[in-house]
Structure formats: structure tokens, C-alpha cells
Amino acid sequence: MAASGFKLSRSTLTLTFSRTAQLLAPIAQAQLEHVCGSRVLAMDETTMKAGRKSPGKMHLGYFWPLYGDADEVSFSFANTRGQKVIQDLLSDYEGILLTDGYKVYEQHAKGRAEITHAQCWAHTRRKLEGPDKHQARQTYCRPVVEAFWQCCDQQCQRLDLTPSNPLSKALKYAMSRQAALEVFLRELDVQVDTNHLERALRPIPMGRKNHLFCWT
């Protein structure tokens, strides 16, 4: 708006944002109720600083994402990671609650016949030694990796492949990282890619400037 010649004060922008949030609140609540009506409900928590603690410092809070049957996610915010947050959010929930191994989820489901507590295999896998995984990677992944490097070598011998060709640049990128790309073959806790991290980080760069010094 400033680039178009409209100069608005910070207070006007803040008030407009606050009113917008108030208008959206019933929609957010309706979505939360819809998500909590799922037969299988996945739940987790992650930190987010919000609210002024002291000059230059923020309070540490928590987002509690709930993922429902319709592939929609509802984010609730709380100042604590305690069991009371779960009790408030899931006070009327009946179904299957899928979580990691954080004890408060187990404590909430304990003694409630209407809730079946399911836990994450991915988190469980991290705790285990991996001789079977190592064998699988050697049996199935290593031949593919070796064939890939052989293909790269063959492509590099092509006389029609100029240094400016996009394929040349791609081959150079891959071959200069060969040792690092093969780490997953011997280190069982290393995933083959970082896609899971990219997905998790997506909201952060999208809202980085908007989140800066957010007091509420």
C-alpha cells in the first residue's frame, strides 16, 4: 500500500488486523469443532514465542495442531504444554487419538473408554537400533545409488554436453556431493531427504515478518 501512495499508521493496521481476527474467530472455532469430530485425530505441539515478557524478550507459548479425517489442521495456542490444554481441547472427544510418546496424551486417554490412544511408529522407530534397516538399504538402495553414479559418469563423457547445459550443472551438483549423499547408506537415522523438514518449516518463512514481535 505504501508503494501505491497509501500511508497507514501502525495503530490502524493493528486495529484492522484485530478486527479481522475477531471476524474469523467463529470460523476457526467451527473448524476446530469439525476437526474434533474426526474418528482419527492426530495431535501434537510445537513452540511459538508470543506475548511480551520483558523488554526485548517474548513469552514461550505452544501451538497445538490437530489433524482430522478431512485433511484439515486446526491450530490452537496456549501458554503451557500441560495436560490441561489437552483436557480443554478434547473434553468431548470420542475416537482414536494419534500422538507421539509425550506422556500427557497417554495420561489423558487413560481410563477413558471413549478414547483409543494410538502412537506414532515413526517416533518409535527412532528409538530402535536398525540392523534390518541397514540390510534393506544395502540390498535395495545401494545398487540404485551405484547405478546412478555410473549413469552420471556416462553422461559426463558425452561430447555434445556443454558446461552451460542444465544437465551438466545438475551432474556437477550431484557428483560434488557424492560422499554426503551416501551417508544415509551407513547412518540409519539419516533420512533419504529433508522433505519432511521443508514441509514443517513452510509456515515460518511465510509469516516471518508478520510474527516479528507479535505481542498477542
C-alpha atoms as a PDB file:
ATOM      1  CA  MET A   1       0.000   0.000   0.000  1.00  0.00           C
ATOM      2  CA  ALA A   2       2.895   2.341   0.742  1.00  0.00           C
ATOM      3  CA  ALA A   3       4.245   1.728  -2.755  1.00  0.00           C
ATOM      4  CA  SER A   4       0.845   2.787  -4.131  1.00  0.00           C
ATOM      5  CA  GLY A   5       0.860   6.026  -2.176  1.00  0.00           C
ATOM      6  CA  PHE A   6      -1.291   4.966   0.797  1.00  0.00           C
ATOM      7  CA  LYS A   7       0.339   5.547   4.161  1.00  0.00           C
ATOM      8  CA  LEU A   8      -1.394   3.917   7.121  1.00  0.00           C
ATOM      9  CA  SER A   9      -0.357   4.187  10.744  1.00  0.00           C
ATOM     10  CA  ARG A  10       0.743   1.125  12.676  1.00  0.00           C
ATOM     11  CA  SER A  11      -2.219   1.519  15.039  1.00  0.00           C
ATOM     12  CA  THR A  12      -4.670   1.464  12.100  1.00  0.00           C
ATOM     13  CA  LEU A  13      -3.079  -1.685  10.699  1.00  0.00           C
ATOM     14  CA  THR A  14      -3.044  -3.350  14.119  1.00  0.00           C
ATOM     15  CA  LEU A  15      -6.694  -2.495  14.798  1.00  0.00           C
ATOM     16  CA  THR A  16      -7.729  -3.727  11.342  1.00  0.00           C
ATOM     17  CA  PHE A  17      -5.895  -6.976  11.914  1.00  0.00           C
ATOM     18  CA  SER A  18      -7.504  -7.373  15.336  1.00  0.00           C
ATOM     19  CA  ARG A  19     -10.997  -6.844  13.929  1.00  0.00           C
ATOM     20  CA  THR A  20     -10.270  -9.292  11.120  1.00  0.00           C
ATOM     21  CA  ALA A  21      -9.200 -11.894  13.681  1.00  0.00           C
ATOM     22  CA  GLN A  22     -12.443 -11.339  15.607  1.00  0.00           C
ATOM     23  CA  LEU A  23     -14.475 -11.901  12.431  1.00  0.00           C
ATOM     24  CA  LEU A  24     -12.544 -15.094  11.677  1.00  0.00           C
ATOM     25  CA  ALA A  25     -12.806 -16.468  15.219  1.00  0.00           C
ATOM     26  CA  PRO A  26     -16.199 -18.184  14.681  1.00  0.00           C
ATOM     27  CA  ILE A  27     -14.828 -19.825  11.529  1.00  0.00           C
ATOM     28  CA  ALA A  28     -11.757 -21.050  13.403  1.00  0.00           C
ATOM     29  CA  GLN A  29     -13.972 -22.398  16.187  1.00  0.00           C
ATOM     30  CA  ALA A  30     -16.239 -24.158  13.699  1.00  0.00           C
ATOM     31  CA  GLN A  31     -13.231 -25.736  12.022  1.00  0.00           C
ATOM     32  CA  LEU A  32     -11.870 -26.883  15.384  1.00  0.00           C
ATOM     33  CA  GLU A  33     -15.208 -28.499  16.227  1.00  0.00           C
ATOM     34  CA  HIS A  34     -15.268 -30.181  12.816  1.00  0.00           C
ATOM     35  CA  VAL A  35     -11.728 -31.497  13.229  1.00  0.00           C
ATOM     36  CA  CYS A  36     -12.521 -32.777  16.727  1.00  0.00           C
ATOM     37  CA  GLY A  37     -15.423 -34.727  15.245  1.00  0.00           C
ATOM     38  CA  SER A  38     -12.967 -36.947  13.378  1.00  0.00           C
ATOM     39  CA  ARG A  39     -12.805 -40.652  14.042  1.00  0.00           C
ATOM     40  CA  VAL A  40      -8.994 -40.461  13.985  1.00  0.00           C
ATOM     41  CA  LEU A  41      -7.487 -37.296  15.410  1.00  0.00           C
ATOM     42  CA  ALA A  42      -3.738 -36.643  15.280  1.00  0.00           C
ATOM     43  CA  MET A  43      -2.376 -34.178  17.816  1.00  0.00           C
ATOM     44  CA  ASP A  44       0.997 -32.595  18.504  1.00  0.00           C
ATOM     45  CA  GLU A  45       2.521 -29.452  19.988  1.00  0.00           C
ATOM     46  CA  THR A  46       5.254 -27.022  18.945  1.00  0.00           C
ATOM     47  CA  THR A  47       6.743 -23.890  20.462  1.00  0.00           C
ATOM     48  CA  MET A  48       5.971 -20.332  19.382  1.00  0.00           C
ATOM     49  CA  LYS A  49       7.103 -17.150  21.129  1.00  0.00           C
ATOM     50  CA  ALA A  50       4.267 -14.669  21.596  1.00  0.00           C
ATOM     51  CA  GLY A  51       3.409 -12.073  24.174  1.00  0.00           C
ATOM     52  CA  ARG A  52       5.823  -9.602  25.739  1.00  0.00           C
ATOM     53  CA  LYS A  53       7.673 -10.988  28.754  1.00  0.00           C
ATOM     54  CA  SER A  54      10.076  -8.089  29.302  1.00  0.00           C
ATOM     55  CA  PRO A  55      11.827  -5.502  27.123  1.00  0.00           C
ATOM     56  CA  GLY A  56      13.214  -7.372  24.129  1.00  0.00           C
ATOM     57  CA  LYS A  57      12.003 -10.770  25.360  1.00  0.00           C
ATOM     58  CA  MET A  58       8.950 -12.851  24.493  1.00  0.00           C
ATOM     59  CA  HIS A  59       6.917 -15.447  26.369  1.00  0.00           C
ATOM     60  CA  LEU A  60       7.282 -19.036  25.206  1.00  0.00           C
ATOM     61  CA  GLY A  61       3.936 -20.465  24.126  1.00  0.00           C
ATOM     62  CA  TYR A  62       2.743 -23.512  22.246  1.00  0.00           C
ATOM     63  CA  PHE A  63       0.736 -24.219  19.140  1.00  0.00           C
ATOM     64  CA  TRP A  64      -1.305 -27.410  19.397  1.00  0.00           C
ATOM     65  CA  PRO A  65      -2.122 -28.657  15.865  1.00  0.00           C
ATOM     66  CA  LEU A  66      -4.983 -31.112  15.472  1.00  0.00           C
ATOM     67  CA  TYR A  67      -5.217 -33.022  12.189  1.00  0.00           C
ATOM     68  CA  GLY A  68      -8.593 -34.524  11.280  1.00  0.00           C
ATOM     69  CA  ASP A  69     -10.119 -37.021   8.864  1.00  0.00           C
ATOM     70  CA  ALA A  70     -10.807 -34.363   6.238  1.00  0.00           C
ATOM     71  CA  ASP A  71      -7.095 -33.432   5.946  1.00  0.00           C
ATOM     72  CA  GLU A  72      -7.634 -30.131   7.706  1.00  0.00           C
ATOM     73  CA  VAL A  73      -5.480 -28.818  10.521  1.00  0.00           C
ATOM     74  CA  SER A  74      -6.685 -26.627  13.355  1.00  0.00           C
ATOM     75  CA  PHE A  75      -4.084 -24.733  15.397  1.00  0.00           C
ATOM     76  CA  SER A  76      -4.855 -23.825  18.983  1.00  0.00           C
ATOM     77  CA  PHE A  77      -2.500 -21.685  21.065  1.00  0.00           C
ATOM     78  CA  ALA A  78      -1.729 -21.995  24.771  1.00  0.00           C
ATOM     79  CA  ASN A  79       0.857 -20.655  27.175  1.00  0.00           C
ATOM     80  CA  THR A  80       1.620 -24.101  28.528  1.00  0.00           C
ATOM     81  CA  ARG A  81       2.440 -27.633  27.427  1.00  0.00           C
ATOM     82  CA  GLY A  82       0.484 -29.157  30.276  1.00  0.00           C
ATOM     83  CA  GLN A  83      -2.279 -31.743  30.310  1.00  0.00           C
ATOM     84  CA  LYS A  84      -4.994 -29.165  30.969  1.00  0.00           C
ATOM     85  CA  VAL A  85      -4.671 -27.905  27.382  1.00  0.00           C
ATOM     86  CA  ILE A  86      -5.499 -31.377  26.083  1.00  0.00           C
ATOM     87  CA  GLN A  87      -8.370 -31.720  28.545  1.00  0.00           C
ATOM     88  CA  ASP A  88      -9.881 -28.440  27.378  1.00  0.00           C
ATOM     89  CA  LEU A  89      -9.475 -29.175  23.665  1.00  0.00           C
ATOM     90  CA  LEU A  90     -10.647 -32.795  23.842  1.00  0.00           C
ATOM     91  CA  SER A  91     -13.229 -32.545  26.605  1.00  0.00           C
ATOM     92  CA  ASP A  92     -15.945 -34.102  24.404  1.00  0.00           C
ATOM     93  CA  TYR A  93     -13.771 -36.108  22.015  1.00  0.00           C
ATOM     94  CA  GLU A  94     -14.625 -39.719  21.272  1.00  0.00           C
ATOM     95  CA  GLY A  95     -12.478 -41.687  18.847  1.00  0.00           C
ATOM     96  CA  ILE A  96      -8.858 -42.575  18.161  1.00  0.00           C
ATOM     97  CA  LEU A  97      -6.192 -40.139  19.328  1.00  0.00           C
ATOM     98  CA  LEU A  98      -2.899 -40.480  17.421  1.00  0.00           C
ATOM     99  CA  THR A  99       0.126 -38.867  19.084  1.00  0.00           C
ATOM    100  CA  ASP A 100       3.835 -39.157  19.737  1.00  0.00           C
ATOM    101  CA  GLY A 101       5.125 -40.568  23.021  1.00  0.00           C
ATOM    102  CA  TYR A 102       4.570 -37.432  25.128  1.00  0.00           C
ATOM    103  CA  LYS A 103       3.176 -38.709  28.430  1.00  0.00           C
ATOM    104  CA  VAL A 104       0.348 -36.183  28.813  1.00  0.00           C
ATOM    105  CA  TYR A 105      -1.526 -37.720  25.869  1.00  0.00           C
ATOM    106  CA  GLU A 106      -1.355 -41.144  27.441  1.00  0.00           C
ATOM    107  CA  GLN A 107      -2.476 -39.730  30.782  1.00  0.00           C
ATOM    108  CA  HIS A 108      -5.452 -38.015  29.144  1.00  0.00           C
ATOM    109  CA  ALA A 109      -6.615 -41.174  27.370  1.00  0.00           C
ATOM    110  CA  LYS A 110      -6.082 -43.432  30.376  1.00  0.00           C
ATOM    111  CA  GLY A 111      -9.360 -44.518  31.920  1.00  0.00           C
ATOM    112  CA  ARG A 112     -11.458 -43.002  29.121  1.00  0.00           C
ATOM    113  CA  ALA A 113     -13.309 -45.777  27.338  1.00  0.00           C
ATOM    114  CA  GLU A 114     -14.409 -43.359  24.612  1.00  0.00           C
ATOM    115  CA  ILE A 115     -10.791 -42.720  23.510  1.00  0.00           C
ATOM    116  CA  THR A 116      -8.416 -45.212  21.914  1.00  0.00           C
ATOM    117  CA  HIS A 117      -4.840 -43.977  22.187  1.00  0.00           C
ATOM    118  CA  ALA A 118      -2.657 -44.748  19.166  1.00  0.00           C
ATOM    119  CA  GLN A 119       1.009 -43.802  18.916  1.00  0.00           C
ATOM    120  CA  CYS A 120       3.386 -42.945  16.098  1.00  0.00           C
ATOM    121  CA  TRP A 121       5.578 -45.658  14.576  1.00  0.00           C
ATOM    122  CA  ALA A 122       7.991 -43.066  13.199  1.00  0.00           C
ATOM    123  CA  HIS A 123       8.768 -41.804  16.704  1.00  0.00           C
ATOM    124  CA  THR A 124       9.082 -45.376  17.929  1.00  0.00           C
ATOM    125  CA  ARG A 125      11.440 -46.284  15.088  1.00  0.00           C
ATOM    126  CA  ARG A 126      13.841 -43.552  16.170  1.00  0.00           C
ATOM    127  CA  LYS A 127      14.364 -45.353  19.469  1.00  0.00           C
ATOM    128  CA  LEU A 128      15.327 -48.664  17.909  1.00  0.00           C
ATOM    129  CA  GLU A 129      18.594 -49.977  16.534  1.00  0.00           C
ATOM    130  CA  GLY A 130      18.407 -50.643  12.853  1.00  0.00           C
ATOM    131  CA  PRO A 131      20.199 -53.783  11.586  1.00  0.00           C
ATOM    132  CA  ASP A 132      17.198 -54.617   9.393  1.00  0.00           C
ATOM    133  CA  LYS A 133      17.065 -51.089   8.024  1.00  0.00           C
ATOM    134  CA  HIS A 134      20.805 -51.220   7.320  1.00  0.00           C
ATOM    135  CA  GLN A 135      20.403 -54.503   5.460  1.00  0.00           C
ATOM    136  CA  ALA A 136      17.488 -53.137   3.467  1.00  0.00           C
ATOM    137  CA  ARG A 137      19.451 -50.074   2.427  1.00  0.00           C
ATOM    138  CA  GLN A 138      22.404 -52.191   1.362  1.00  0.00           C
ATOM    139  CA  THR A 139      20.143 -54.563  -0.575  1.00  0.00           C
ATOM    140  CA  TYR A 140      17.797 -52.097  -2.247  1.00  0.00           C
ATOM    141  CA  CYS A 141      19.300 -48.605  -2.044  1.00  0.00           C
ATOM    142  CA  ARG A 142      22.998 -49.168  -2.679  1.00  0.00           C
ATOM    143  CA  PRO A 143      22.541 -50.751  -6.135  1.00  0.00           C
ATOM    144  CA  VAL A 144      20.348 -47.817  -7.157  1.00  0.00           C
ATOM    145  CA  VAL A 145      22.900 -45.311  -5.858  1.00  0.00           C
ATOM    146  CA  GLU A 146      25.784 -47.067  -7.625  1.00  0.00           C
ATOM    147  CA  ALA A 147      23.801 -47.214 -10.864  1.00  0.00           C
ATOM    148  CA  PHE A 148      23.063 -43.518 -10.532  1.00  0.00           C
ATOM    149  CA  TRP A 149      26.762 -42.629 -10.203  1.00  0.00           C
ATOM    150  CA  GLN A 150      27.585 -44.856 -13.163  1.00  0.00           C
ATOM    151  CA  CYS A 151      24.943 -43.053 -15.207  1.00  0.00           C
ATOM    152  CA  CYS A 152      26.438 -39.702 -14.160  1.00  0.00           C
ATOM    153  CA  ASP A 153      29.884 -40.832 -15.326  1.00  0.00           C
ATOM    154  CA  GLN A 154      28.495 -41.933 -18.674  1.00  0.00           C
ATOM    155  CA  GLN A 155      26.641 -38.667 -19.197  1.00  0.00           C
ATOM    156  CA  CYS A 156      29.787 -36.682 -18.434  1.00  0.00           C
ATOM    157  CA  GLN A 157      31.532 -38.421 -21.371  1.00  0.00           C
ATOM    158  CA  ARG A 158      29.055 -37.040 -23.888  1.00  0.00           C
ATOM    159  CA  LEU A 159      30.725 -34.757 -26.418  1.00  0.00           C
ATOM    160  CA  ASP A 160      27.513 -32.829 -27.063  1.00  0.00           C
ATOM    161  CA  LEU A 161      27.110 -31.868 -23.426  1.00  0.00           C
ATOM    162  CA  THR A 162      28.401 -28.322 -22.951  1.00  0.00           C
ATOM    163  CA  PRO A 163      29.294 -26.890 -19.499  1.00  0.00           C
ATOM    164  CA  SER A 164      26.358 -24.470 -19.746  1.00  0.00           C
ATOM    165  CA  ASN A 165      23.850 -27.252 -20.333  1.00  0.00           C
ATOM    166  CA  PRO A 166      21.383 -27.611 -17.393  1.00  0.00           C
ATOM    167  CA  LEU A 167      22.180 -31.337 -17.258  1.00  0.00           C
ATOM    168  CA  SER A 168      25.886 -30.551 -16.886  1.00  0.00           C
ATOM    169  CA  LYS A 169      25.114 -28.305 -13.944  1.00  0.00           C
ATOM    170  CA  ALA A 170      22.876 -30.949 -12.387  1.00  0.00           C
ATOM    171  CA  LEU A 171      25.576 -33.620 -12.781  1.00  0.00           C
ATOM    172  CA  LYS A 172      28.179 -31.330 -11.242  1.00  0.00           C
ATOM    173  CA  TYR A 173      25.885 -30.578  -8.320  1.00  0.00           C
ATOM    174  CA  ALA A 174      25.287 -34.285  -7.650  1.00  0.00           C
ATOM    175  CA  MET A 175      28.823 -35.568  -8.140  1.00  0.00           C
ATOM    176  CA  SER A 176      30.393 -32.891  -5.959  1.00  0.00           C
ATOM    177  CA  ARG A 177      28.167 -34.134  -3.137  1.00  0.00           C
ATOM    178  CA  GLN A 178      28.628 -37.866  -3.619  1.00  0.00           C
ATOM    179  CA  ALA A 179      30.087 -38.570  -0.184  1.00  0.00           C
ATOM    180  CA  ALA A 180      27.361 -36.592   1.610  1.00  0.00           C
ATOM    181  CA  LEU A 181      24.607 -38.163  -0.484  1.00  0.00           C
ATOM    182  CA  GLU A 182      25.781 -41.647   0.531  1.00  0.00           C
ATOM    183  CA  VAL A 183      25.745 -41.021   4.281  1.00  0.00           C
ATOM    184  CA  PHE A 184      22.212 -42.436   4.602  1.00  0.00           C
ATOM    185  CA  LEU A 185      23.508 -45.836   3.431  1.00  0.00           C
ATOM    186  CA  ARG A 186      25.544 -46.281   6.606  1.00  0.00           C
ATOM    187  CA  GLU A 187      23.846 -43.954   9.112  1.00  0.00           C
ATOM    188  CA  LEU A 188      20.449 -45.453   9.811  1.00  0.00           C
ATOM    189  CA  ASP A 189      18.938 -42.399  11.473  1.00  0.00           C
ATOM    190  CA  VAL A 190      19.526 -40.267   8.373  1.00  0.00           C
ATOM    191  CA  GLN A 191      16.502 -39.934   6.109  1.00  0.00           C
ATOM    192  CA  VAL A 192      16.988 -40.000   2.367  1.00  0.00           C
ATOM    193  CA  ASP A 193      15.729 -36.420   2.015  1.00  0.00           C
ATOM    194  CA  THR A 194      14.751 -33.348   4.017  1.00  0.00           C
ATOM    195  CA  ASN A 195      11.240 -33.032   2.584  1.00  0.00           C
ATOM    196  CA  HIS A 196       9.709 -33.584   5.998  1.00  0.00           C
ATOM    197  CA  LEU A 197      11.674 -30.634   7.326  1.00  0.00           C
ATOM    198  CA  GLU A 198      10.760 -28.442   4.360  1.00  0.00           C
ATOM    199  CA  ARG A 199       7.075 -29.143   4.937  1.00  0.00           C
ATOM    200  CA  ALA A 200       7.371 -28.348   8.628  1.00  0.00           C
ATOM    201  CA  LEU A 201       9.254 -25.106   8.004  1.00  0.00           C
ATOM    202  CA  ARG A 202       6.928 -23.754   5.323  1.00  0.00           C
ATOM    203  CA  PRO A 203       4.797 -21.578   7.649  1.00  0.00           C
ATOM    204  CA  ILE A 204       7.876 -19.923   9.155  1.00  0.00           C
ATOM    205  CA  PRO A 205       9.235 -18.099   6.073  1.00  0.00           C
ATOM    206  CA  MET A 206       5.660 -17.348   5.018  1.00  0.00           C
ATOM    207  CA  GLY A 207       4.967 -15.459   8.210  1.00  0.00           C
ATOM    208  CA  ARG A 208       8.402 -14.433   9.455  1.00  0.00           C
ATOM    209  CA  LYS A 209       7.840 -10.680   9.176  1.00  0.00           C
ATOM    210  CA  ASN A 210       4.276 -10.923  10.453  1.00  0.00           C
ATOM    211  CA  HIS A 211       5.369 -12.910  13.520  1.00  0.00           C
ATOM    212  CA  LEU A 212       8.120 -10.469  14.499  1.00  0.00           C
ATOM    213  CA  PHE A 213       7.410  -9.032  17.978  1.00  0.00           C
ATOM    214  CA  CYS A 214       3.827 -10.274  17.960  1.00  0.00           C
ATOM    215  CA  TRP A 215       2.565  -9.415  21.427  1.00  0.00           C
ATOM    216  CA  THR A 216      -0.638 -11.476  21.382  1.00  0.00           C
END
